[in-house]
Amino acid sequence: MLPHAWWLLAGVVVMYVYDAVLLLYHNEVVFHEGRGGRWSFSVGSDFQLAGRHVFLPSMLAPTRRVLRLRWTSHQSLLPPAPLRGLRAWRVGGAACAWPVMLVACLFAVMPAAVYSPIPVLLAWMAALYVAIPSTVLRLWRVRRVIGLSRKDAAGITSDALLCAPYSLNVVRKLGSRAGDRFDLVSVAHALLEAPERVRLTRAIQTRIRHQLDLEDLGSERHAQLQAYSRQLEGALA
């Protein structure tokens, strides 16, 4: 048994939560998978940390996928275009889910392991450091399928290998850097049901109103934001 093992358990939880939290800019949206494969979205909390909105995914479901996208009023909204790569991204994320679930199960029994005799603890550690490389290996096998760059894959890999609790967030991280790969409107039509798209429209329009308060009335930027807000309702209908 390890002395003061509760410190170790608390540290694992803190590092896991710290790595899972996303800080969203005002023009970012996170699409997240719920129970039964249904999708919803979040623009983060009203509370801001360092000028960014906090999004905390479901801590008890590390295998559910998230997709972080952004909108920009500098571009006109077009009708939803055929999506390329979203299905492959979803399949690749699902392929990484089972090794992450194995790691999660090992962490779930960690309290029993750290209060067990040393041989049991060593066996648990050996199992964990087999499961984590297996997760990383699966990530590299699907990297090209999901459109993940070598640099991003290397970053996720180093996080998982250097800090074991970070490996629990591998599936989430597959979509946390996808802002430039997919169009928000097209993804919303592909993943969200009509009531959720209405709610998304309202959430983005609220953010736009906050921006309008900062712009000079009658300025080009003010008119641009107003036009984008009007276009949004039709685009997400």
C-alpha atoms as a PDB file:
ATOM      1  CA  MET A   1       0.000   0.000   0.000  1.00  0.00           C
ATOM      2  CA  LEU A   2       1.264   3.481  -0.861  1.00  0.00           C
ATOM      3  CA  PRO A   3       1.408   6.018   1.988  1.00  0.00           C
ATOM      4  CA  HIS A   4      -0.830   9.058   1.495  1.00  0.00           C
ATOM      5  CA  ALA A   5      -2.368   7.390  -1.581  1.00  0.00           C
ATOM      6  CA  TRP A   6      -5.326   9.760  -1.511  1.00  0.00           C
ATOM      7  CA  TRP A   7      -3.006  12.546  -2.690  1.00  0.00           C
ATOM      8  CA  LEU A   8      -2.197  10.479  -5.757  1.00  0.00           C
ATOM      9  CA  LEU A   9      -5.886   9.801  -6.445  1.00  0.00           C
ATOM     10  CA  ALA A  10      -6.745  13.483  -6.094  1.00  0.00           C
ATOM     11  CA  GLY A  11      -3.890  14.407  -8.430  1.00  0.00           C
ATOM     12  CA  VAL A  12      -5.159  12.047 -11.122  1.00  0.00           C
ATOM     13  CA  VAL A  13      -8.648  13.568 -10.963  1.00  0.00           C
ATOM     14  CA  VAL A  14      -7.318  17.132 -11.077  1.00  0.00           C
ATOM     15  CA  MET A  15      -5.049  16.443 -14.064  1.00  0.00           C
ATOM     16  CA  TYR A  16      -7.826  14.647 -15.931  1.00  0.00           C
ATOM     17  CA  VAL A  17     -10.294  17.505 -15.436  1.00  0.00           C
ATOM     18  CA  TYR A  18      -7.661  20.145 -16.228  1.00  0.00           C
ATOM     19  CA  ASP A  19      -6.840  18.455 -19.529  1.00  0.00           C
ATOM     20  CA  ALA A  20     -10.511  17.946 -20.455  1.00  0.00           C
ATOM     21  CA  VAL A  21     -11.610  21.565 -19.975  1.00  0.00           C
ATOM     22  CA  LEU A  22     -11.840  23.653 -23.137  1.00  0.00           C
ATOM     23  CA  LEU A  23     -11.557  27.445 -23.094  1.00  0.00           C
ATOM     24  CA  LEU A  24     -13.607  28.750 -26.004  1.00  0.00           C
ATOM     25  CA  TYR A  25     -13.257  32.033 -27.827  1.00  0.00           C
ATOM     26  CA  HIS A  26     -16.434  34.045 -28.411  1.00  0.00           C
ATOM     27  CA  ASN A  27     -16.812  32.601 -31.932  1.00  0.00           C
ATOM     28  CA  GLU A  28     -16.267  28.931 -31.078  1.00  0.00           C
ATOM     29  CA  VAL A  29     -18.835  26.164 -30.707  1.00  0.00           C
ATOM     30  CA  VAL A  30     -18.332  22.648 -29.369  1.00  0.00           C
ATOM     31  CA  PHE A  31     -20.510  19.882 -30.773  1.00  0.00           C
ATOM     32  CA  HIS A  32     -20.603  17.007 -28.302  1.00  0.00           C
ATOM     33  CA  GLU A  33     -21.994  13.498 -28.413  1.00  0.00           C
ATOM     34  CA  GLY A  34     -24.622  12.491 -25.871  1.00  0.00           C
ATOM     35  CA  ARG A  35     -26.365   9.303 -24.891  1.00  0.00           C
ATOM     36  CA  GLY A  36     -27.570   7.116 -27.698  1.00  0.00           C
ATOM     37  CA  GLY A  37     -25.347   8.886 -30.205  1.00  0.00           C
ATOM     38  CA  ARG A  38     -27.415  12.083 -30.179  1.00  0.00           C
ATOM     39  CA  TRP A  39     -25.483  15.306 -30.612  1.00  0.00           C
ATOM     40  CA  SER A  40     -25.814  18.652 -28.930  1.00  0.00           C
ATOM     41  CA  PHE A  41     -23.636  21.758 -28.708  1.00  0.00           C
ATOM     42  CA  SER A  42     -22.233  24.299 -26.279  1.00  0.00           C
ATOM     43  CA  VAL A  43     -20.770  27.776 -26.628  1.00  0.00           C
ATOM     44  CA  GLY A  44     -19.296  27.544 -23.145  1.00  0.00           C
ATOM     45  CA  SER A  45     -20.291  29.158 -19.890  1.00  0.00           C
ATOM     46  CA  ASP A  46     -21.201  32.794 -19.386  1.00  0.00           C
ATOM     47  CA  PHE A  47     -18.388  32.828 -16.869  1.00  0.00           C
ATOM     48  CA  GLN A  48     -15.086  33.704 -18.532  1.00  0.00           C
ATOM     49  CA  LEU A  49     -11.594  32.614 -17.627  1.00  0.00           C
ATOM     50  CA  ALA A  50      -8.831  34.735 -19.149  1.00  0.00           C
ATOM     51  CA  GLY A  51     -11.422  36.163 -21.537  1.00  0.00           C
ATOM     52  CA  ARG A  52     -12.606  32.762 -22.758  1.00  0.00           C
ATOM     53  CA  HIS A  53     -15.730  30.713 -22.062  1.00  0.00           C
ATOM     54  CA  VAL A  54     -15.361  27.466 -20.112  1.00  0.00           C
ATOM     55  CA  PHE A  55     -16.675  24.175 -21.507  1.00  0.00           C
ATOM     56  CA  LEU A  56     -16.490  21.043 -19.366  1.00  0.00           C
ATOM     57  CA  PRO A  57     -17.436  17.797 -21.148  1.00  0.00           C
ATOM     58  CA  SER A  58     -19.044  14.857 -19.382  1.00  0.00           C
ATOM     59  CA  MET A  59     -16.321  13.623 -17.043  1.00  0.00           C
ATOM     60  CA  LEU A  60     -17.842  10.138 -16.777  1.00  0.00           C
ATOM     61  CA  ALA A  61     -17.898   9.569 -20.545  1.00  0.00           C
ATOM     62  CA  PRO A  62     -14.362   9.973 -21.940  1.00  0.00           C
ATOM     63  CA  THR A  63     -15.191   8.043 -25.125  1.00  0.00           C
ATOM     64  CA  ARG A  64     -17.836  10.496 -26.345  1.00  0.00           C
ATOM     65  CA  ARG A  65     -16.598  12.596 -29.230  1.00  0.00           C
ATOM     66  CA  VAL A  66     -16.443  16.387 -29.324  1.00  0.00           C
ATOM     67  CA  LEU A  67     -15.896  18.656 -32.299  1.00  0.00           C
ATOM     68  CA  ARG A  68     -14.656  22.211 -31.806  1.00  0.00           C
ATOM     69  CA  LEU A  69     -15.546  24.601 -34.631  1.00  0.00           C
ATOM     70  CA  ARG A  70     -15.690  28.336 -35.167  1.00  0.00           C
ATOM     71  CA  TRP A  71     -17.884  30.814 -36.994  1.00  0.00           C
ATOM     72  CA  THR A  72     -16.786  34.061 -38.602  1.00  0.00           C
ATOM     73  CA  SER A  73     -18.822  37.030 -39.700  1.00  0.00           C
ATOM     74  CA  HIS A  74     -16.148  37.948 -42.241  1.00  0.00           C
ATOM     75  CA  GLN A  75     -17.569  35.337 -44.632  1.00  0.00           C
ATOM     76  CA  SER A  76     -21.050  35.201 -46.115  1.00  0.00           C
ATOM     77  CA  LEU A  77     -23.118  32.212 -45.063  1.00  0.00           C
ATOM     78  CA  LEU A  78     -23.726  29.768 -47.875  1.00  0.00           C
ATOM     79  CA  PRO A  79     -26.252  26.919 -48.079  1.00  0.00           C
ATOM     80  CA  PRO A  80     -24.976  23.733 -46.381  1.00  0.00           C
ATOM     81  CA  ALA A  81     -22.380  22.085 -48.592  1.00  0.00           C
ATOM     82  CA  PRO A  82     -21.781  18.324 -48.825  1.00  0.00           C
ATOM     83  CA  LEU A  83     -19.474  17.387 -45.988  1.00  0.00           C
ATOM     84  CA  ARG A  84     -16.240  15.627 -46.740  1.00  0.00           C
ATOM     85  CA  GLY A  85     -14.469  13.780 -44.002  1.00  0.00           C
ATOM     86  CA  LEU A  86     -17.020  14.063 -41.197  1.00  0.00           C
ATOM     87  CA  ARG A  87     -18.095  10.430 -41.448  1.00  0.00           C
ATOM     88  CA  ALA A  88     -14.450   9.317 -41.538  1.00  0.00           C
ATOM     89  CA  TRP A  89     -13.732  11.480 -38.493  1.00  0.00           C
ATOM     90  CA  ARG A  90     -16.615   9.909 -36.585  1.00  0.00           C
ATOM     91  CA  VAL A  91     -15.514   6.390 -37.512  1.00  0.00           C
ATOM     92  CA  GLY A  92     -11.929   7.147 -36.512  1.00  0.00           C
ATOM     93  CA  GLY A  93     -13.073   8.533 -33.168  1.00  0.00           C
ATOM     94  CA  ALA A  94     -15.140   5.422 -32.525  1.00  0.00           C
ATOM     95  CA  ALA A  95     -12.105   3.251 -33.351  1.00  0.00           C
ATOM     96  CA  CYS A  96     -10.108   5.005 -30.615  1.00  0.00           C
ATOM     97  CA  ALA A  97     -12.902   4.628 -28.073  1.00  0.00           C
ATOM     98  CA  TRP A  98     -12.298   1.067 -26.918  1.00  0.00           C
ATOM     99  CA  PRO A  99      -8.635   1.515 -25.869  1.00  0.00           C
ATOM    100  CA  VAL A 100      -9.601   4.727 -24.054  1.00  0.00           C
ATOM    101  CA  MET A 101     -12.373   2.794 -22.310  1.00  0.00           C
ATOM    102  CA  LEU A 102      -9.793   0.206 -21.231  1.00  0.00           C
ATOM    103  CA  VAL A 103      -7.635   2.974 -19.738  1.00  0.00           C
ATOM    104  CA  ALA A 104     -10.714   4.420 -18.020  1.00  0.00           C
ATOM    105  CA  CYS A 105     -11.539   1.034 -16.479  1.00  0.00           C
ATOM    106  CA  LEU A 106      -7.993   0.743 -15.149  1.00  0.00           C
ATOM    107  CA  PHE A 107      -8.206   4.191 -13.589  1.00  0.00           C
ATOM    108  CA  ALA A 108     -11.595   3.258 -12.127  1.00  0.00           C
ATOM    109  CA  VAL A 109      -9.974   0.436 -10.123  1.00  0.00           C
ATOM    110  CA  MET A 110      -7.015   2.615  -9.131  1.00  0.00           C
ATOM    111  CA  PRO A 111      -8.350   3.265  -5.593  1.00  0.00           C
ATOM    112  CA  ALA A 112      -8.349  -0.478  -4.926  1.00  0.00           C
ATOM    113  CA  ALA A 113      -4.932  -0.916  -6.556  1.00  0.00           C
ATOM    114  CA  VAL A 114      -3.109   1.734  -4.528  1.00  0.00           C
ATOM    115  CA  TYR A 115      -4.416   0.261  -1.267  1.00  0.00           C
ATOM    116  CA  SER A 116      -3.443  -3.269  -2.277  1.00  0.00           C
ATOM    117  CA  PRO A 117      -0.169  -5.145  -1.692  1.00  0.00           C
ATOM    118  CA  ILE A 118       2.778  -4.029  -3.821  1.00  0.00           C
ATOM    119  CA  PRO A 119       2.571  -6.953  -6.320  1.00  0.00           C
ATOM    120  CA  VAL A 120      -1.034  -6.049  -7.128  1.00  0.00           C
ATOM    121  CA  LEU A 121      -0.105  -2.386  -7.549  1.00  0.00           C
ATOM    122  CA  LEU A 122       2.765  -3.271  -9.860  1.00  0.00           C
ATOM    123  CA  ALA A 123       0.479  -5.473 -11.961  1.00  0.00           C
ATOM    124  CA  TRP A 124      -1.998  -2.599 -12.245  1.00  0.00           C
ATOM    125  CA  MET A 125       0.758  -0.194 -13.335  1.00  0.00           C
ATOM    126  CA  ALA A 126       1.996  -2.680 -15.939  1.00  0.00           C
ATOM    127  CA  ALA A 127      -1.529  -3.044 -17.349  1.00  0.00           C
ATOM    128  CA  LEU A 128      -1.925   0.735 -17.494  1.00  0.00           C
ATOM    129  CA  TYR A 129       1.326   1.225 -19.384  1.00  0.00           C
ATOM    130  CA  VAL A 130       0.295  -1.390 -21.901  1.00  0.00           C
ATOM    131  CA  ALA A 131      -3.139   0.171 -22.406  1.00  0.00           C
ATOM    132  CA  ILE A 132      -1.843   3.715 -22.941  1.00  0.00           C
ATOM    133  CA  PRO A 133       0.597   2.825 -25.783  1.00  0.00           C
ATOM    134  CA  SER A 134      -2.219   0.763 -27.336  1.00  0.00           C
ATOM    135  CA  THR A 135      -4.398   3.882 -27.335  1.00  0.00           C
ATOM    136  CA  VAL A 136      -1.623   5.935 -28.933  1.00  0.00           C
ATOM    137  CA  LEU A 137      -0.961   3.260 -31.536  1.00  0.00           C
ATOM    138  CA  ARG A 138      -4.630   3.220 -32.531  1.00  0.00           C
ATOM    139  CA  LEU A 139      -4.539   7.022 -32.823  1.00  0.00           C
ATOM    140  CA  TRP A 140      -1.671   6.850 -35.307  1.00  0.00           C
ATOM    141  CA  ARG A 141      -3.423   4.142 -37.317  1.00  0.00           C
ATOM    142  CA  VAL A 142      -6.493   6.339 -37.893  1.00  0.00           C
ATOM    143  CA  ARG A 143      -4.655   9.668 -38.071  1.00  0.00           C
ATOM    144  CA  ARG A 144      -4.921  10.084 -41.836  1.00  0.00           C
ATOM    145  CA  VAL A 145      -8.513   8.866 -41.921  1.00  0.00           C
ATOM    146  CA  ILE A 146      -9.659  11.561 -39.511  1.00  0.00           C
ATOM    147  CA  GLY A 147      -7.478  14.278 -41.056  1.00  0.00           C
ATOM    148  CA  LEU A 148      -5.248  14.768 -38.009  1.00  0.00           C
ATOM    149  CA  SER A 149      -1.897  16.336 -38.790  1.00  0.00           C
ATOM    150  CA  ARG A 150       1.327  14.655 -37.758  1.00  0.00           C
ATOM    151  CA  LYS A 151       2.088  17.592 -35.444  1.00  0.00           C
ATOM    152  CA  ASP A 152      -1.254  17.332 -33.652  1.00  0.00           C
ATOM    153  CA  ALA A 153      -0.957  13.550 -33.371  1.00  0.00           C
ATOM    154  CA  ALA A 154       2.530  13.935 -31.899  1.00  0.00           C
ATOM    155  CA  GLY A 155       1.219  16.456 -29.362  1.00  0.00           C
ATOM    156  CA  ILE A 156      -1.585  14.157 -28.231  1.00  0.00           C
ATOM    157  CA  THR A 157       0.860  11.251 -28.058  1.00  0.00           C
ATOM    158  CA  SER A 158       3.389  13.085 -25.909  1.00  0.00           C
ATOM    159  CA  ASP A 159       0.638  14.243 -23.532  1.00  0.00           C
ATOM    160  CA  ALA A 160      -0.671  10.699 -23.099  1.00  0.00           C
ATOM    161  CA  LEU A 161       2.740   9.112 -22.593  1.00  0.00           C
ATOM    162  CA  LEU A 162       4.123  11.772 -20.263  1.00  0.00           C
ATOM    163  CA  CYS A 163       0.999  12.192 -18.119  1.00  0.00           C
ATOM    164  CA  ALA A 164      -1.170   9.081 -17.822  1.00  0.00           C
ATOM    165  CA  PRO A 165      -4.468  10.857 -16.930  1.00  0.00           C
ATOM    166  CA  TYR A 166      -4.203  12.842 -20.171  1.00  0.00           C
ATOM    167  CA  SER A 167      -4.651   9.595 -22.113  1.00  0.00           C
ATOM    168  CA  LEU A 168      -8.291   9.580 -20.990  1.00  0.00           C
ATOM    169  CA  ASN A 169      -8.920  12.592 -23.251  1.00  0.00           C
ATOM    170  CA  VAL A 170      -7.516  11.157 -26.490  1.00  0.00           C
ATOM    171  CA  VAL A 171     -10.930  10.746 -28.155  1.00  0.00           C
ATOM    172  CA  ARG A 172     -11.949  14.290 -27.207  1.00  0.00           C
ATOM    173  CA  LYS A 173      -8.735  15.748 -28.561  1.00  0.00           C
ATOM    174  CA  LEU A 174      -9.372  14.269 -32.013  1.00  0.00           C
ATOM    175  CA  GLY A 175     -11.970  16.980 -32.543  1.00  0.00           C
ATOM    176  CA  SER A 176     -10.597  19.776 -30.397  1.00  0.00           C
ATOM    177  CA  ARG A 177      -8.376  21.052 -33.224  1.00  0.00           C
ATOM    178  CA  ALA A 178     -10.791  20.658 -36.129  1.00  0.00           C
ATOM    179  CA  GLY A 179     -11.789  24.299 -36.508  1.00  0.00           C
ATOM    180  CA  ASP A 180     -10.389  24.625 -40.020  1.00  0.00           C
ATOM    181  CA  ARG A 181     -11.476  21.248 -41.393  1.00  0.00           C
ATOM    182  CA  PHE A 182     -15.268  21.527 -41.274  1.00  0.00           C
ATOM    183  CA  ASP A 183     -17.892  24.182 -41.939  1.00  0.00           C
ATOM    184  CA  LEU A 184     -20.008  24.910 -38.863  1.00  0.00           C
ATOM    185  CA  VAL A 185     -23.310  25.273 -40.726  1.00  0.00           C
ATOM    186  CA  SER A 186     -22.857  22.028 -42.639  1.00  0.00           C
ATOM    187  CA  VAL A 187     -21.866  20.159 -39.478  1.00  0.00           C
ATOM    188  CA  ALA A 188     -24.880  21.567 -37.640  1.00  0.00           C
ATOM    189  CA  HIS A 189     -27.207  20.217 -40.329  1.00  0.00           C
ATOM    190  CA  ALA A 190     -25.445  16.856 -40.268  1.00  0.00           C
ATOM    191  CA  LEU A 191     -25.374  16.362 -36.494  1.00  0.00           C
ATOM    192  CA  LEU A 192     -28.121  18.447 -34.884  1.00  0.00           C
ATOM    193  CA  GLU A 193     -31.862  18.093 -34.975  1.00  0.00           C
ATOM    194  CA  ALA A 194     -33.969  21.123 -35.903  1.00  0.00           C
ATOM    195  CA  PRO A 195     -34.696  22.295 -32.304  1.00  0.00           C
ATOM    196  CA  GLU A 196     -30.985  22.181 -31.495  1.00  0.00           C
ATOM    197  CA  ARG A 197     -30.162  24.209 -34.600  1.00  0.00           C
ATOM    198  CA  VAL A 198     -32.658  26.858 -33.483  1.00  0.00           C
ATOM    199  CA  ARG A 199     -30.980  26.937 -30.083  1.00  0.00           C
ATOM    200  CA  LEU A 200     -27.581  27.226 -31.776  1.00  0.00           C
ATOM    201  CA  THR A 201     -28.826  30.178 -33.825  1.00  0.00           C
ATOM    202  CA  ARG A 202     -29.948  31.953 -30.667  1.00  0.00           C
ATOM    203  CA  ALA A 203     -26.668  31.240 -28.871  1.00  0.00           C
ATOM    204  CA  ILE A 204     -24.538  32.663 -31.690  1.00  0.00           C
ATOM    205  CA  GLN A 205     -26.819  35.663 -32.072  1.00  0.00           C
ATOM    206  CA  THR A 206     -26.385  36.387 -28.370  1.00  0.00           C
ATOM    207  CA  ARG A 207     -22.633  36.444 -28.854  1.00  0.00           C
ATOM    208  CA  ILE A 208     -23.046  38.709 -31.869  1.00  0.00           C
ATOM    209  CA  ARG A 209     -25.129  41.154 -29.815  1.00  0.00           C
ATOM    210  CA  HIS A 210     -22.314  41.350 -27.283  1.00  0.00           C
ATOM    211  CA  GLN A 211     -19.935  42.214 -30.118  1.00  0.00           C
ATOM    212  CA  LEU A 212     -22.332  44.804 -31.523  1.00  0.00           C
ATOM    213  CA  ASP A 213     -22.228  46.618 -28.193  1.00  0.00           C
ATOM    214  CA  LEU A 214     -18.500  47.131 -28.730  1.00  0.00           C
ATOM    215  CA  GLU A 215     -18.772  48.498 -32.266  1.00  0.00           C
ATOM    216  CA  ASP A 216     -19.590  52.024 -33.348  1.00  0.00           C
ATOM    217  CA  LEU A 217     -23.149  52.351 -34.560  1.00  0.00           C
ATOM    218  CA  GLY A 218     -23.175  52.746 -38.336  1.00  0.00           C
ATOM    219  CA  SER A 219     -19.653  51.384 -38.801  1.00  0.00           C
ATOM    220  CA  GLU A 220     -18.836  48.826 -41.472  1.00  0.00           C
ATOM    221  CA  ARG A 221     -18.113  46.206 -38.826  1.00  0.00           C
ATOM    222  CA  HIS A 222     -21.445  46.860 -37.103  1.00  0.00           C
ATOM    223  CA  ALA A 223     -23.317  46.374 -40.392  1.00  0.00           C
ATOM    224  CA  GLN A 224     -21.313  43.214 -41.119  1.00  0.00           C
ATOM    225  CA  LEU A 225     -22.274  41.645 -37.798  1.00  0.00           C
ATOM    226  CA  GLN A 226     -25.930  42.543 -38.247  1.00  0.00           C
ATOM    227  CA  ALA A 227     -25.978  40.999 -41.730  1.00  0.00           C
ATOM    228  CA  TYR A 228     -24.358  37.813 -40.439  1.00  0.00           C
ATOM    229  CA  SER A 229     -26.927  37.557 -37.640  1.00  0.00           C
ATOM    230  CA  ARG A 230     -29.792  37.818 -40.145  1.00  0.00           C
ATOM    231  CA  GLN A 231     -28.238  35.253 -42.491  1.00  0.00           C
ATOM    232  CA  LEU A 232     -27.724  32.814 -39.651  1.00  0.00           C
ATOM    233  CA  GLU A 233     -31.400  32.061 -39.131  1.00  0.00           C
ATOM    234  CA  GLY A 234     -31.889  30.991 -42.720  1.00  0.00           C
ATOM    235  CA  ALA A 235     -28.625  29.039 -42.851  1.00  0.00           C
ATOM    236  CA  LEU A 236     -29.425  26.950 -39.787  1.00  0.00           C
ATOM    237  CA  ALA A 237     -33.169  26.566 -40.383  1.00  0.00           C
END
